[in-house]
Amino acid sequence: MPDSALNTAEQFTPQSVKTNLLGLSVSKLGDFFEQLGEKRFRATQMVKWIHQMGECDFDQMTNLSKSLREKLHESAEICLPEVVSCQDSTDGTRKWLIKVEGGSCIEMVYIPEKDRGTLCVSSQIGCALDCSFCATGKQGFNRDLNTAEIIGQLWIAAQSFDQFAAKAPRRVSNVVMMGMGEPLMNFNNVVDAMNLMMEDNAYGLSKRRVTLSTAGVVPALDQLAGVTDVSLAISLHAPNDELRNELVPINRKYNLKQFVESAKNYIEKMPDNRRKATVEYTLMDQVNDRSVHARELAVLLKELPCKINLIPFNPFPGSDYKRVTNTALNRFRDILQGEGYTVTVRTTRGDDIAAACGQLAGEVNDRTKRQQRYKNKLAAEEVPVKMLD
């Protein structure tokens, strides 16, 4: 979507509310510097200072004039979310608890692998969708994250691994919008943040290394190809509408046929013809892991260029679901592979620090009362509620 222009002024006047430069694109930064009476090329310099060198102190930005630095001190800031805690798993996974404006906390996870380091980034405080098998949804929902709060997560991770140092290795090579929240329900801020991730003068990530995962907000997915060409993952979890209505409530509004067709249209609009969607399918014992489900899934996806990622369910306090058995998991995989699909099984990572897929919870000042209802349910069942406190 086009950047909305900032108001311009011929003469500089200090602003009563400082502008946070952290989440501004090159174009919006150009508008900001014009407002200060400066040339637009200053925007590229600022993006490099913030996102390539990790610098937040205007006084250290040595290629900016003293007079410009004074203007910046009066009218701008580089304000990052606050890191509350950082935990490392025995398998190398790292999880951050991050406080944002308003007092709520979100979670972000880094997963190291042999050939990559993947950062799982949140887009909302809580989640409005309330998928039945996901801990995040039980937290309720507070608000969308702004662009600075989204890109700030990548900044925090890069700093944590000394990635801003000269000639430092790129520890965060991939970003997936798969943390707390539904990215397409925060469309503009997520798109702006992803574009900063891929900006050559910022983090320079490839479009193939930035992935947006959606549970099926079809109207927004229909718009996505017009503003970006990042990789796409669709969070499916069921092969028919009856079952998906129970697991993923948004399916009652946008059914599987609509969702898969929208994903197919997105892939077809990509500039290269080798792109495939990733289909995420969380397997739960005796819920969606039967042979009949695998065969239904194979039929459902036959027109969609895709690869399938099977995810064993990760339990959390009070959940009514159980982890899939290895026998059922292998049978499900073998049926799909026999139908010609490329199938991978996601290895559970960070389970000892509740950082595995579906376990992110954070601390949400819930506006929906869903969190309290869930706490009441746990209390009635005498289940510990530590996850939500």
Protein backbone atom coordinates (compact mmCIF):
# COMPACT_ATOMS: atom_id res chain seq x y z
CA MET A 1 0.00 0.00 0.00
CA PRO A 2 1.30 3.50 -0.71
CA ASP A 3 2.95 5.33 2.15
CA SER A 4 0.81 8.08 3.59
CA ALA A 5 2.67 11.36 3.37
CA LEU A 6 3.55 13.34 6.46
CA ASN A 7 2.56 16.99 6.62
CA THR A 8 5.28 19.26 5.25
CA ALA A 9 6.40 22.68 6.46
CA GLU A 10 8.73 25.23 4.92
CA GLN A 11 10.35 26.03 8.25
CA PHE A 12 11.26 23.64 11.01
CA THR A 13 9.29 23.84 14.25
CA PRO A 14 9.81 21.43 17.16
CA GLN A 15 7.03 18.86 17.60
CA SER A 16 5.16 18.52 20.88
CA VAL A 17 5.02 14.74 20.35
CA LYS A 18 8.23 13.21 19.07
CA THR A 19 8.11 10.96 16.00
CA ASN A 20 9.44 7.44 16.52
CA LEU A 21 11.69 6.82 13.53
CA LEU A 22 12.07 3.10 14.21
CA GLY A 23 9.05 1.98 12.18
CA LEU A 24 9.20 4.48 9.31
CA SER A 25 9.92 3.27 5.78
CA VAL A 26 12.49 5.05 3.60
CA SER A 27 9.65 6.91 1.90
CA LYS A 28 8.06 8.04 5.17
CA LEU A 29 11.46 9.02 6.54
CA GLY A 30 11.99 11.07 3.39
CA ASP A 31 8.74 12.90 4.11
CA PHE A 32 9.84 13.44 7.70
CA PHE A 33 13.18 14.94 6.72
CA GLU A 34 11.50 17.24 4.21
CA GLN A 35 9.33 18.44 7.08
CA LEU A 36 12.54 19.34 8.89
CA GLY A 37 13.70 21.29 5.85
CA GLU A 38 16.26 18.61 4.94
CA LYS A 39 16.97 16.61 1.77
CA ARG A 40 15.23 13.27 1.29
CA PHE A 41 18.54 11.36 1.01
CA ARG A 42 18.83 11.70 4.78
CA ALA A 43 16.21 8.95 4.99
CA THR A 44 18.59 6.34 3.58
CA GLN A 45 21.28 7.42 6.03
CA MET A 46 18.86 7.09 8.94
CA VAL A 47 17.63 3.65 7.88
CA LYS A 48 21.24 2.43 7.71
CA TRP A 49 22.05 3.85 11.14
CA ILE A 50 19.02 2.27 12.80
CA HIS A 51 18.65 -1.06 11.02
CA GLN A 52 22.15 -1.90 9.74
CA MET A 53 24.29 -0.45 12.54
CA GLY A 54 21.81 -0.64 15.41
CA GLU A 55 22.41 2.97 16.44
CA CYS A 56 19.69 4.80 18.39
CA ASP A 57 21.70 7.83 19.59
CA PHE A 58 21.51 10.75 17.15
CA ASP A 59 24.80 12.13 18.50
CA GLN A 60 26.62 9.05 17.22
CA MET A 61 25.34 9.51 13.67
CA THR A 62 28.50 11.17 12.44
CA ASN A 63 27.44 11.84 8.84
CA LEU A 64 24.57 14.06 10.03
CA SER A 65 25.31 17.73 10.68
CA LYS A 66 25.22 19.11 14.21
CA SER A 67 22.24 21.31 13.34
CA LEU A 68 20.30 18.31 12.01
CA ARG A 69 21.12 16.27 15.10
CA GLU A 70 19.74 19.11 17.22
CA LYS A 71 16.52 19.10 15.18
CA LEU A 72 16.23 15.35 15.64
CA HIS A 73 16.65 15.61 19.40
CA GLU A 74 13.78 18.11 19.51
CA SER A 75 11.34 16.31 17.22
CA ALA A 76 12.24 12.62 16.96
CA GLU A 77 13.25 9.54 18.89
CA ILE A 78 14.18 5.94 18.24
CA CYS A 79 12.07 4.11 20.78
CA LEU A 80 12.26 0.32 21.11
CA PRO A 81 9.99 -2.08 22.97
CA GLU A 82 11.32 -3.13 26.38
CA VAL A 83 12.84 -6.59 26.87
CA VAL A 84 11.43 -7.99 30.11
CA SER A 85 13.16 -11.37 29.98
CA CYS A 86 15.12 -13.67 27.69
CA GLN A 87 15.19 -17.46 28.05
CA ASP A 88 17.39 -20.01 26.30
CA SER A 89 16.23 -23.57 25.70
CA THR A 90 18.50 -26.58 25.95
CA ASP A 91 18.13 -26.97 22.16
CA GLY A 92 19.36 -23.41 21.43
CA THR A 93 15.93 -21.82 20.99
CA ARG A 94 15.67 -18.34 22.51
CA LYS A 95 12.46 -16.67 23.70
CA TRP A 96 11.99 -13.03 24.61
CA LEU A 97 9.17 -11.49 26.65
CA ILE A 98 8.77 -7.94 25.37
CA LYS A 99 6.73 -5.14 26.96
CA VAL A 100 4.98 -2.70 24.65
CA GLU A 101 3.11 0.55 25.19
CA GLY A 102 0.13 0.04 27.48
CA GLY A 103 1.85 -2.55 29.67
CA SER A 104 1.01 -5.76 27.82
CA CYS A 105 3.75 -8.18 26.84
CA ILE A 106 4.31 -10.18 23.67
CA GLU A 107 6.61 -13.11 22.97
CA MET A 108 9.14 -13.65 20.19
CA VAL A 109 11.15 -16.80 19.45
CA TYR A 110 14.43 -17.50 17.65
CA ILE A 111 15.01 -21.03 16.32
CA PRO A 112 18.55 -21.93 15.20
CA GLU A 113 19.09 -24.61 12.57
CA LYS A 114 22.12 -25.81 10.62
CA ASP A 115 21.52 -23.63 7.57
CA ARG A 116 19.40 -20.81 8.97
CA GLY A 117 18.23 -18.88 12.02
CA THR A 118 14.50 -18.22 12.04
CA LEU A 119 12.83 -15.47 14.07
CA CYS A 120 9.13 -15.94 14.84
CA VAL A 121 7.64 -12.44 15.18
CA SER A 122 4.35 -11.35 16.75
CA SER A 123 1.90 -8.98 15.05
CA GLN A 124 -0.76 -8.44 17.73
CA ILE A 125 -1.09 -8.37 21.51
CA GLY A 126 -2.99 -11.60 21.92
CA CYS A 127 -5.15 -12.81 19.06
CA ALA A 128 -8.73 -12.15 18.04
CA LEU A 129 -9.22 -15.51 16.29
CA ASP A 130 -9.19 -17.91 19.28
CA CYS A 131 -8.22 -21.12 17.49
CA SER A 132 -9.08 -23.91 19.92
CA PHE A 133 -5.62 -25.53 19.98
CA CYS A 134 -3.52 -22.35 20.43
CA ALA A 135 -2.42 -20.89 23.78
CA THR A 136 -2.20 -17.36 22.36
CA GLY A 137 -5.93 -17.20 21.70
CA LYS A 138 -6.69 -18.02 25.35
CA GLN A 139 -4.98 -14.76 26.30
CA GLY A 140 -7.70 -12.76 24.59
CA PHE A 141 -6.90 -9.67 22.55
CA ASN A 142 -5.71 -6.14 23.33
CA ARG A 143 -4.62 -4.37 20.12
CA ASP A 144 -2.56 -4.48 16.94
CA LEU A 145 1.17 -3.84 17.21
CA ASN A 146 2.38 -0.76 15.35
CA THR A 147 5.15 -0.99 12.76
CA ALA A 148 7.85 0.07 15.23
CA GLU A 149 6.78 -2.67 17.68
CA ILE A 150 6.94 -5.29 14.92
CA ILE A 151 10.26 -4.28 13.35
CA GLY A 152 11.58 -3.61 16.86
CA GLN A 153 11.43 -7.34 17.53
CA LEU A 154 13.88 -7.98 14.68
CA TRP A 155 16.10 -5.13 15.94
CA ILE A 156 16.14 -6.65 19.44
CA ALA A 157 17.08 -10.09 18.10
CA ALA A 158 19.82 -8.67 15.87
CA GLN A 159 21.31 -6.78 18.80
CA SER A 160 21.04 -9.86 21.02
CA PHE A 161 23.28 -11.78 18.60
CA ASP A 162 25.70 -8.86 17.95
CA GLN A 163 24.50 -8.81 14.36
CA PHE A 164 25.01 -5.04 14.07
CA ALA A 165 28.79 -5.33 14.50
CA ALA A 166 30.96 -4.80 11.41
CA LYS A 167 31.28 -8.02 9.36
CA ALA A 168 29.20 -9.93 11.92
CA PRO A 169 27.48 -13.10 10.66
CA ARG A 170 23.75 -12.87 9.97
CA ARG A 171 22.29 -14.95 12.80
CA VAL A 172 18.71 -14.03 11.88
CA SER A 173 18.45 -15.19 8.27
CA ASN A 174 14.68 -15.81 8.14
CA VAL A 175 11.62 -14.12 9.63
CA VAL A 176 8.20 -15.72 9.94
CA MET A 177 5.11 -13.76 10.92
CA MET A 178 3.86 -16.69 12.98
CA GLY A 179 4.04 -15.36 16.54
CA MET A 180 1.16 -13.95 18.56
CA GLY A 181 -1.73 -12.64 16.47
CA GLU A 182 -3.14 -12.90 12.95
CA PRO A 183 -0.89 -10.82 10.66
CA LEU A 184 -3.56 -10.05 8.06
CA MET A 185 -5.78 -8.47 10.70
CA ASN A 186 -3.00 -5.89 11.14
CA PHE A 187 -2.45 -5.49 7.41
CA ASN A 188 -0.79 -2.09 6.97
CA ASN A 189 1.59 -2.30 9.93
CA VAL A 190 2.66 -5.85 9.05
CA VAL A 191 3.26 -4.98 5.39
CA ASP A 192 5.29 -1.90 6.33
CA ALA A 193 7.39 -3.94 8.77
CA MET A 194 8.00 -6.75 6.26
CA ASN A 195 9.06 -4.22 3.64
CA LEU A 196 11.60 -2.80 6.11
CA MET A 197 12.88 -6.33 6.71
CA MET A 198 13.49 -6.67 2.95
CA GLU A 199 14.83 -3.13 2.44
CA ASP A 200 18.40 -3.32 1.10
CA ASN A 201 19.52 -0.45 3.33
CA ALA A 202 17.94 -2.06 6.39
CA TYR A 203 18.03 -5.84 6.98
CA GLY A 204 18.16 -6.88 3.33
CA LEU A 205 16.25 -10.14 3.77
CA SER A 206 15.16 -11.98 0.63
CA LYS A 207 11.43 -12.20 -0.16
CA ARG A 208 11.85 -15.96 0.12
CA ARG A 209 13.14 -15.56 3.68
CA VAL A 210 10.23 -13.50 4.98
CA THR A 211 7.04 -15.51 5.43
CA LEU A 212 3.56 -14.41 6.39
CA SER A 213 1.31 -17.01 7.96
CA THR A 214 -2.46 -16.55 7.95
CA ALA A 215 -5.39 -18.56 9.30
CA GLY A 216 -7.61 -17.37 6.48
CA VAL A 217 -8.52 -13.67 6.47
CA VAL A 218 -9.48 -13.99 2.81
CA PRO A 219 -10.23 -10.35 1.86
CA ALA A 220 -6.83 -9.23 3.18
CA LEU A 221 -5.06 -12.16 1.51
CA ASP A 222 -6.71 -11.14 -1.76
CA GLN A 223 -5.06 -7.71 -1.39
CA LEU A 224 -1.63 -8.95 -0.33
CA ALA A 225 -0.10 -9.59 -3.76
CA GLY A 226 -0.69 -5.96 -4.65
CA VAL A 227 1.70 -4.71 -1.97
CA THR A 228 4.32 -7.43 -1.41
CA ASP A 229 5.63 -10.77 -2.68
CA VAL A 230 6.78 -12.38 0.55
CA SER A 231 6.45 -16.12 1.03
CA LEU A 232 3.04 -17.40 2.13
CA ALA A 233 2.06 -19.99 4.71
CA ILE A 234 -1.57 -20.95 5.25
CA SER A 235 -2.59 -22.24 8.66
CA LEU A 236 -5.05 -24.99 7.71
CA HIS A 237 -5.24 -27.74 10.40
CA ALA A 238 -8.31 -29.47 8.96
CA PRO A 239 -9.30 -30.86 5.53
CA ASN A 240 -13.04 -30.12 5.70
CA ASP A 241 -15.25 -27.26 6.84
CA GLU A 242 -17.07 -29.15 9.57
CA LEU A 243 -13.87 -29.92 11.48
CA ARG A 244 -12.19 -26.61 10.70
CA ASN A 245 -15.19 -24.68 12.00
CA GLU A 246 -14.42 -26.21 15.41
CA LEU A 247 -10.65 -25.73 15.31
CA VAL A 248 -10.34 -22.40 13.48
CA PRO A 249 -13.50 -20.30 14.03
CA ILE A 250 -12.75 -17.81 11.23
CA ASN A 251 -13.54 -20.68 8.84
CA ARG A 252 -17.22 -20.04 9.55
CA LYS A 253 -16.79 -16.71 7.76
CA TYR A 254 -14.30 -17.70 5.05
CA ASN A 255 -14.48 -21.41 4.26
CA LEU A 256 -11.76 -23.73 3.04
CA LYS A 257 -12.65 -23.41 -0.63
CA GLN A 258 -12.39 -19.61 -0.43
CA PHE A 259 -9.17 -19.77 1.58
CA VAL A 260 -7.34 -22.22 -0.68
CA GLU A 261 -8.51 -20.38 -3.81
CA SER A 262 -7.23 -17.08 -2.39
CA ALA A 263 -3.86 -18.67 -1.59
CA LYS A 264 -3.70 -20.10 -5.12
CA ASN A 265 -4.37 -16.65 -6.58
CA TYR A 266 -1.59 -15.15 -4.45
CA ILE A 267 0.94 -17.74 -5.62
CA GLU A 268 -0.09 -17.25 -9.26
CA LYS A 269 0.61 -13.51 -8.98
CA MET A 270 4.19 -14.00 -7.81
CA PRO A 271 6.89 -12.81 -10.25
CA ASP A 272 8.48 -16.27 -10.44
CA ASN A 273 6.73 -19.53 -11.30
CA ARG A 274 8.55 -21.71 -8.76
CA ARG A 275 6.85 -20.31 -5.67
CA LYS A 276 4.83 -22.60 -3.43
CA ALA A 277 2.65 -21.95 -0.41
CA THR A 278 3.47 -23.75 2.83
CA VAL A 279 0.47 -25.54 4.30
CA GLU A 280 0.66 -25.73 8.10
CA TYR A 281 -1.25 -28.60 9.63
CA THR A 282 -1.18 -29.20 13.39
CA LEU A 283 -1.87 -32.85 14.15
CA MET A 284 -3.88 -33.70 17.28
CA ASP A 285 -4.50 -37.20 18.53
CA GLN A 286 -7.77 -38.64 17.18
CA VAL A 287 -8.98 -35.19 16.09
CA ASN A 288 -7.54 -34.51 12.64
CA ASP A 289 -4.89 -37.22 12.26
CA ARG A 290 -6.87 -40.07 10.66
CA SER A 291 -6.13 -41.60 7.26
CA VAL A 292 -9.39 -40.19 5.92
CA HIS A 293 -8.22 -36.70 6.87
CA ALA A 294 -4.96 -37.15 4.98
CA ARG A 295 -6.80 -38.28 1.87
CA GLU A 296 -9.25 -35.37 2.13
CA LEU A 297 -6.33 -32.97 2.46
CA ALA A 298 -4.66 -34.40 -0.63
CA VAL A 299 -7.81 -33.72 -2.67
CA LEU A 300 -8.33 -30.25 -1.20
CA LEU A 301 -4.84 -29.07 -2.16
CA LYS A 302 -4.54 -30.62 -5.61
CA GLU A 303 -4.78 -27.25 -7.43
CA LEU A 304 -2.53 -25.33 -5.02
CA PRO A 305 1.25 -25.33 -5.60
CA CYS A 306 2.33 -26.17 -2.08
CA LYS A 307 4.46 -28.10 0.35
CA ILE A 308 2.98 -29.43 3.59
CA ASN A 309 4.44 -28.91 7.06
CA LEU A 310 3.01 -31.27 9.66
CA ILE A 311 3.19 -29.94 13.22
CA PRO A 312 2.72 -32.25 16.22
CA PHE A 313 0.44 -30.49 18.70
CA ASN A 314 2.26 -28.93 21.65
CA PRO A 315 0.18 -29.21 24.85
CA PHE A 316 -0.44 -26.27 27.19
CA PRO A 317 -2.29 -26.04 30.55
CA GLY A 318 -5.98 -26.79 30.26
CA SER A 319 -5.89 -27.89 26.64
CA ASP A 320 -8.39 -30.55 25.63
CA TYR A 321 -6.09 -31.93 22.90
CA LYS A 322 -3.26 -34.44 22.97
CA ARG A 323 -0.11 -34.78 20.92
CA VAL A 324 -0.39 -37.00 17.85
CA THR A 325 1.14 -40.47 18.15
CA ASN A 326 4.20 -41.26 16.05
CA THR A 327 2.25 -44.02 14.31
CA ALA A 328 -0.52 -41.67 13.23
CA LEU A 329 1.96 -38.96 12.26
CA ASN A 330 3.97 -41.31 10.05
CA ARG A 331 0.83 -42.73 8.45
CA PHE A 332 -0.50 -39.24 7.69
CA ARG A 333 2.85 -38.21 6.15
CA ASP A 334 3.14 -41.37 4.07
CA ILE A 335 -0.36 -40.94 2.57
CA LEU A 336 0.42 -37.36 1.49
CA GLN A 337 3.80 -38.31 0.10
CA GLY A 338 2.16 -41.15 -1.79
CA GLU A 339 -0.10 -38.52 -3.42
CA GLY A 340 2.98 -36.66 -4.63
CA TYR A 341 3.25 -33.91 -2.01
CA THR A 342 6.48 -32.69 -0.44
CA VAL A 343 5.93 -33.18 3.29
CA THR A 344 8.07 -32.13 6.24
CA VAL A 345 7.51 -32.68 9.95
CA ARG A 346 8.25 -29.72 12.18
CA THR A 347 10.60 -30.66 14.99
CA THR A 348 9.33 -29.42 18.34
CA ARG A 349 11.78 -26.77 19.55
CA GLY A 350 11.87 -24.78 22.77
CA ASP A 351 9.26 -26.91 24.52
CA ASP A 352 11.08 -26.58 27.86
CA ILE A 353 10.58 -22.79 27.80
CA ALA A 354 7.05 -22.87 26.28
CA ALA A 355 8.40 -21.52 22.98
CA ALA A 356 7.06 -24.24 20.70
CA CYS A 357 4.45 -23.68 18.01
CA GLY A 358 1.10 -22.77 19.55
CA GLN A 359 2.52 -22.16 23.03
CA LEU A 360 3.25 -18.41 22.89
CA ALA A 361 1.18 -16.62 25.52
CA GLY A 362 2.73 -13.33 26.64
CA GLU A 363 0.89 -11.09 29.13
CA VAL A 364 -2.17 -9.51 27.55
CA ASN A 365 -4.38 -6.82 29.06
CA ASP A 366 -7.37 -8.54 27.50
CA ARG A 367 -10.23 -6.41 26.14
CA THR A 368 -12.39 -9.41 25.22
CA LYS A 369 -12.87 -11.11 28.66
CA ARG A 370 -11.79 -14.34 26.96
CA GLN A 371 -8.75 -14.67 29.22
CA GLN A 372 -10.87 -14.51 32.37
CA ARG A 373 -13.32 -17.07 31.01
CA TYR A 374 -10.41 -19.41 30.29
CA LYS A 375 -8.96 -18.87 33.77
CA ASN A 376 -12.34 -19.70 35.25
CA LYS A 377 -12.42 -22.89 33.19
CA LEU A 378 -8.97 -23.90 34.43
CA ALA A 379 -9.91 -23.11 38.01
CA ALA A 380 -13.04 -25.25 37.75
CA GLU A 381 -10.90 -28.11 36.44
CA GLU A 382 -8.23 -27.42 39.11
CA VAL A 383 -5.59 -26.83 36.44
CA PRO A 384 -2.65 -24.51 37.34
CA VAL A 385 -3.08 -21.09 35.68
CA LYS A 386 0.56 -20.00 35.82
CA MET A 387 0.60 -19.67 32.02
CA LEU A 388 -1.89 -16.82 32.19
CA ASP A 389 -0.58 -14.93 35.26
